[in-house]
Each structure stands twice: as structure tokens, then as C-alpha cells.
Amino acid sequence: MKFYIASGFNNKDSVRYVSEKLKDKGYLHTYDWTKNERASTIDELKEVGQKEKSAVIEADILIVLLPAGKGSHIELGIALGQGKKVYLYSPTEEVYNFETTSTFYHLPGVEIFIGKLDELIEVVSSRR
């Protein structure tokens, strides 16, 4: 099973943690953007964007770790458009706050998970 993790740079440690745990269970990470430095040119942005787009398309599932930035939400849109299963993780119930939530968080195919990262990993790996 192939996965991609979308999140913000501030969540790099959590992305790495989830990735390692899933790889230990036999999953394949399609692209690990946490190994990159922040892009400093438009050409670097294009290159990273293409790699991330391809990785989302190649993945069987997308995991979104909130809080996430605009790029993660574009990746969410790509995955939804491709009919992929999406796991949306939030450490708090903020995804249900009507004032700040996204309509796309509540579409069919998106499973919202609130809790600890280890619990998310167990849920994802139990649904192979």
C-alpha cells in the first residue's frame, strides 16, 4: 500500500514519525518532502510541486496532518479528484468548528481522525 502525507513544514517531525511507523508496517511512502529545504526560487517550487503532485497521484491513500498549509489543501483536492481515500488528522476537534472548517473535510472518502498519532497509525494500518 502506498501513502503520501500532506502537512505544513511546522509538522515535519510528525510527518516523519507517521511515515516511519507505516513503513515499518510494510507501506511505501511515495515522496518524503520533509527531506527538502524550503524552496528559494520559482524553479525549485515547480520541481517540488511536480514531485508532490506525482506522489499524490501514485499513492493509494493520502494522510493530511493538521494544521496544514495551502499546498496540503491542494494535495487534498488532487486526492479527492482522483477518488483516493483520505485520512484527515487533527489533534483537536477544530475540524468541526463551523467558522474555520473546510467543506472538503466533510466529503465522502475523507475520514476525520482526532486523537494521538499512534492511534491514527493503527487505524490506517488496520484498513489495508
C-alpha atoms as a PDB file:
ATOM      1  CA  MET A   1       0.000   0.000   0.000  1.00  0.00           C
ATOM      2  CA  LYS A   2       1.380   3.399  -0.995  1.00  0.00           C
ATOM      3  CA  PHE A   3       0.802   6.561   1.013  1.00  0.00           C
ATOM      4  CA  TYR A   4       1.571  10.263   0.886  1.00  0.00           C
ATOM      5  CA  ILE A   5       1.467  12.636   3.861  1.00  0.00           C
ATOM      6  CA  ALA A   6       0.421  16.249   3.384  1.00  0.00           C
ATOM      7  CA  SER A   7       1.132  18.798   6.103  1.00  0.00           C
ATOM      8  CA  GLY A   8       2.952  22.011   6.863  1.00  0.00           C
ATOM      9  CA  PHE A   9       6.690  22.423   7.440  1.00  0.00           C
ATOM     10  CA  ASN A  10       5.966  23.001  11.127  1.00  0.00           C
ATOM     11  CA  ASN A  11       4.753  19.377  11.317  1.00  0.00           C
ATOM     12  CA  LYS A  12       7.880  17.795   9.785  1.00  0.00           C
ATOM     13  CA  ASP A  13       8.598  15.720  12.883  1.00  0.00           C
ATOM     14  CA  SER A  14       5.065  14.320  12.976  1.00  0.00           C
ATOM     15  CA  VAL A  15       5.175  13.540   9.244  1.00  0.00           C
ATOM     16  CA  ARG A  16       8.459  11.700   9.703  1.00  0.00           C
ATOM     17  CA  TYR A  17       7.081   9.794  12.688  1.00  0.00           C
ATOM     18  CA  VAL A  18       3.952   8.618  10.866  1.00  0.00           C
ATOM     19  CA  SER A  19       5.965   7.770   7.768  1.00  0.00           C
ATOM     20  CA  GLU A  20       8.461   5.612   9.668  1.00  0.00           C
ATOM     21  CA  LYS A  21       5.727   3.764  11.558  1.00  0.00           C
ATOM     22  CA  LEU A  22       3.812   2.998   8.342  1.00  0.00           C
ATOM     23  CA  LYS A  23       6.965   1.936   6.510  1.00  0.00           C
ATOM     24  CA  ASP A  24       7.710  -0.429   9.429  1.00  0.00           C
ATOM     25  CA  LYS A  25       4.312  -1.992   8.670  1.00  0.00           C
ATOM     26  CA  GLY A  26       5.200  -2.518   5.014  1.00  0.00           C
ATOM     27  CA  TYR A  27       3.736   0.638   3.490  1.00  0.00           C
ATOM     28  CA  LEU A  28       5.573   2.605   0.791  1.00  0.00           C
ATOM     29  CA  HIS A  29       5.939   6.392   1.102  1.00  0.00           C
ATOM     30  CA  THR A  30       5.621   7.836  -2.410  1.00  0.00           C
ATOM     31  CA  TYR A  31       7.582  11.013  -1.632  1.00  0.00           C
ATOM     32  CA  ASP A  32       9.098  12.385   1.567  1.00  0.00           C
ATOM     33  CA  TRP A  33       9.078  16.154   1.211  1.00  0.00           C
ATOM     34  CA  THR A  34      10.458  16.554   4.748  1.00  0.00           C
ATOM     35  CA  LYS A  35      13.937  15.849   3.377  1.00  0.00           C
ATOM     36  CA  ASN A  36      13.783  19.111   1.386  1.00  0.00           C
ATOM     37  CA  GLU A  37      14.786  22.569   2.473  1.00  0.00           C
ATOM     38  CA  ARG A  38      12.288  25.337   1.775  1.00  0.00           C
ATOM     39  CA  ALA A  39      12.302  26.279  -1.903  1.00  0.00           C
ATOM     40  CA  SER A  40      14.030  29.579  -2.604  1.00  0.00           C
ATOM     41  CA  THR A  41      13.290  30.017  -6.331  1.00  0.00           C
ATOM     42  CA  ILE A  42      10.322  29.590  -8.659  1.00  0.00           C
ATOM     43  CA  ASP A  43      12.160  26.771 -10.452  1.00  0.00           C
ATOM     44  CA  GLU A  44      12.604  24.924  -7.147  1.00  0.00           C
ATOM     45  CA  LEU A  45       8.905  25.420  -6.381  1.00  0.00           C
ATOM     46  CA  LYS A  46       7.982  23.935  -9.765  1.00  0.00           C
ATOM     47  CA  GLU A  47      10.239  20.927  -9.219  1.00  0.00           C
ATOM     48  CA  VAL A  48       8.895  20.213  -5.748  1.00  0.00           C
ATOM     49  CA  GLY A  49       5.326  20.814  -6.896  1.00  0.00           C
ATOM     50  CA  GLN A  50       5.682  18.265  -9.684  1.00  0.00           C
ATOM     51  CA  LYS A  51       7.172  15.685  -7.313  1.00  0.00           C
ATOM     52  CA  GLU A  52       4.383  16.229  -4.790  1.00  0.00           C
ATOM     53  CA  LYS A  53       1.653  16.071  -7.439  1.00  0.00           C
ATOM     54  CA  SER A  54       3.079  12.832  -8.845  1.00  0.00           C
ATOM     55  CA  ALA A  55       3.392  11.359  -5.349  1.00  0.00           C
ATOM     56  CA  VAL A  56      -0.246  12.107  -4.513  1.00  0.00           C
ATOM     57  CA  ILE A  57      -1.379  10.537  -7.796  1.00  0.00           C
ATOM     58  CA  GLU A  58       0.811   7.455  -7.193  1.00  0.00           C
ATOM     59  CA  ALA A  59      -0.395   6.972  -3.598  1.00  0.00           C
ATOM     60  CA  ASP A  60      -3.284   4.710  -2.650  1.00  0.00           C
ATOM     61  CA  ILE A  61      -4.122   6.880   0.355  1.00  0.00           C
ATOM     62  CA  LEU A  62      -3.472  10.441   1.459  1.00  0.00           C
ATOM     63  CA  ILE A  63      -2.926  11.386   5.069  1.00  0.00           C
ATOM     64  CA  VAL A  64      -3.345  15.058   5.944  1.00  0.00           C
ATOM     65  CA  LEU A  65      -1.902  16.167   9.275  1.00  0.00           C
ATOM     66  CA  LEU A  66      -3.422  19.416  10.508  1.00  0.00           C
ATOM     67  CA  PRO A  67      -2.527  22.184  10.826  1.00  0.00           C
ATOM     68  CA  ALA A  68      -1.616  22.234   7.165  1.00  0.00           C
ATOM     69  CA  GLY A  69      -0.875  24.938   4.632  1.00  0.00           C
ATOM     70  CA  LYS A  70      -2.190  25.805   1.197  1.00  0.00           C
ATOM     71  CA  GLY A  71      -0.059  23.177  -0.558  1.00  0.00           C
ATOM     72  CA  SER A  72      -1.534  20.438   1.618  1.00  0.00           C
ATOM     73  CA  HIS A  73      -5.021  21.563   0.736  1.00  0.00           C
ATOM     74  CA  ILE A  74      -4.184  21.434  -2.961  1.00  0.00           C
ATOM     75  CA  GLU A  75      -2.863  17.905  -2.428  1.00  0.00           C
ATOM     76  CA  LEU A  76      -6.138  17.105  -0.662  1.00  0.00           C
ATOM     77  CA  GLY A  77      -8.001  18.350  -3.749  1.00  0.00           C
ATOM     78  CA  ILE A  78      -5.870  16.223  -6.074  1.00  0.00           C
ATOM     79  CA  ALA A  79      -6.528  13.127  -3.957  1.00  0.00           C
ATOM     80  CA  LEU A  80     -10.269  13.788  -3.765  1.00  0.00           C
ATOM     81  CA  GLY A  81     -10.408  14.374  -7.515  1.00  0.00           C
ATOM     82  CA  GLN A  82      -8.705  11.019  -8.026  1.00  0.00           C
ATOM     83  CA  GLY A  83     -11.157   9.253  -5.705  1.00  0.00           C
ATOM     84  CA  LYS A  84      -8.469   8.334  -3.177  1.00  0.00           C
ATOM     85  CA  LYS A  85      -9.119   7.529   0.475  1.00  0.00           C
ATOM     86  CA  VAL A  86      -8.120  10.464   2.688  1.00  0.00           C
ATOM     87  CA  TYR A  87      -7.352  10.363   6.400  1.00  0.00           C
ATOM     88  CA  LEU A  88      -7.622  13.838   7.907  1.00  0.00           C
ATOM     89  CA  TYR A  89      -5.870  14.054  11.262  1.00  0.00           C
ATOM     90  CA  SER A  90      -6.362  16.784  13.813  1.00  0.00           C
ATOM     91  CA  PRO A  91      -5.048  16.774  17.363  1.00  0.00           C
ATOM     92  CA  THR A  92      -8.178  18.720  18.410  1.00  0.00           C
ATOM     93  CA  GLU A  93     -11.846  18.969  17.412  1.00  0.00           C
ATOM     94  CA  GLU A  94     -11.153  22.158  15.405  1.00  0.00           C
ATOM     95  CA  VAL A  95     -12.186  20.420  12.161  1.00  0.00           C
ATOM     96  CA  TYR A  96     -15.772  20.580  13.430  1.00  0.00           C
ATOM     97  CA  ASN A  97     -15.627  24.339  14.109  1.00  0.00           C
ATOM     98  CA  PHE A  98     -18.094  25.659  11.534  1.00  0.00           C
ATOM     99  CA  GLU A  99     -16.316  29.022  11.313  1.00  0.00           C
ATOM    100  CA  THR A 100     -12.931  27.577  10.328  1.00  0.00           C
ATOM    101  CA  THR A 101     -13.522  24.130   8.812  1.00  0.00           C
ATOM    102  CA  SER A 102     -13.355  23.373   5.100  1.00  0.00           C
ATOM    103  CA  THR A 103     -16.238  21.938   3.099  1.00  0.00           C
ATOM    104  CA  PHE A 104     -13.782  19.415   1.643  1.00  0.00           C
ATOM    105  CA  TYR A 105     -13.010  17.959   5.080  1.00  0.00           C
ATOM    106  CA  HIS A 106     -16.547  16.585   5.209  1.00  0.00           C
ATOM    107  CA  LEU A 107     -16.843  14.914   1.808  1.00  0.00           C
ATOM    108  CA  PRO A 108     -17.323  11.178   1.319  1.00  0.00           C
ATOM    109  CA  GLY A 109     -13.940   9.488   1.193  1.00  0.00           C
ATOM    110  CA  VAL A 110     -12.496  11.710   3.923  1.00  0.00           C
ATOM    111  CA  GLU A 111     -12.184  10.077   7.310  1.00  0.00           C
ATOM    112  CA  ILE A 112     -11.600  12.555  10.122  1.00  0.00           C
ATOM    113  CA  PHE A 113      -9.444  11.287  12.936  1.00  0.00           C
ATOM    114  CA  ILE A 114      -8.929  13.111  16.225  1.00  0.00           C
ATOM    115  CA  GLY A 115      -6.560  11.759  18.817  1.00  0.00           C
ATOM    116  CA  LYS A 116      -2.961  10.636  19.097  1.00  0.00           C
ATOM    117  CA  LEU A 117      -0.709   9.911  16.118  1.00  0.00           C
ATOM    118  CA  ASP A 118      -0.170   6.299  17.222  1.00  0.00           C
ATOM    119  CA  GLU A 119      -3.933   5.765  17.154  1.00  0.00           C
ATOM    120  CA  LEU A 120      -4.098   7.236  13.637  1.00  0.00           C
ATOM    121  CA  ILE A 121      -1.358   4.854  12.515  1.00  0.00           C
ATOM    122  CA  GLU A 122      -3.286   1.892  13.913  1.00  0.00           C
ATOM    123  CA  VAL A 123      -6.491   2.991  12.153  1.00  0.00           C
ATOM    124  CA  VAL A 124      -4.716   3.445   8.810  1.00  0.00           C
ATOM    125  CA  SER A 125      -2.835   0.146   9.039  1.00  0.00           C
ATOM    126  CA  SER A 126      -5.941  -1.788  10.089  1.00  0.00           C
ATOM    127  CA  ARG A 127      -7.776  -0.797   6.898  1.00  0.00           C
ATOM    128  CA  ARG A 128      -5.377  -2.216   4.347  1.00  0.00           C
END
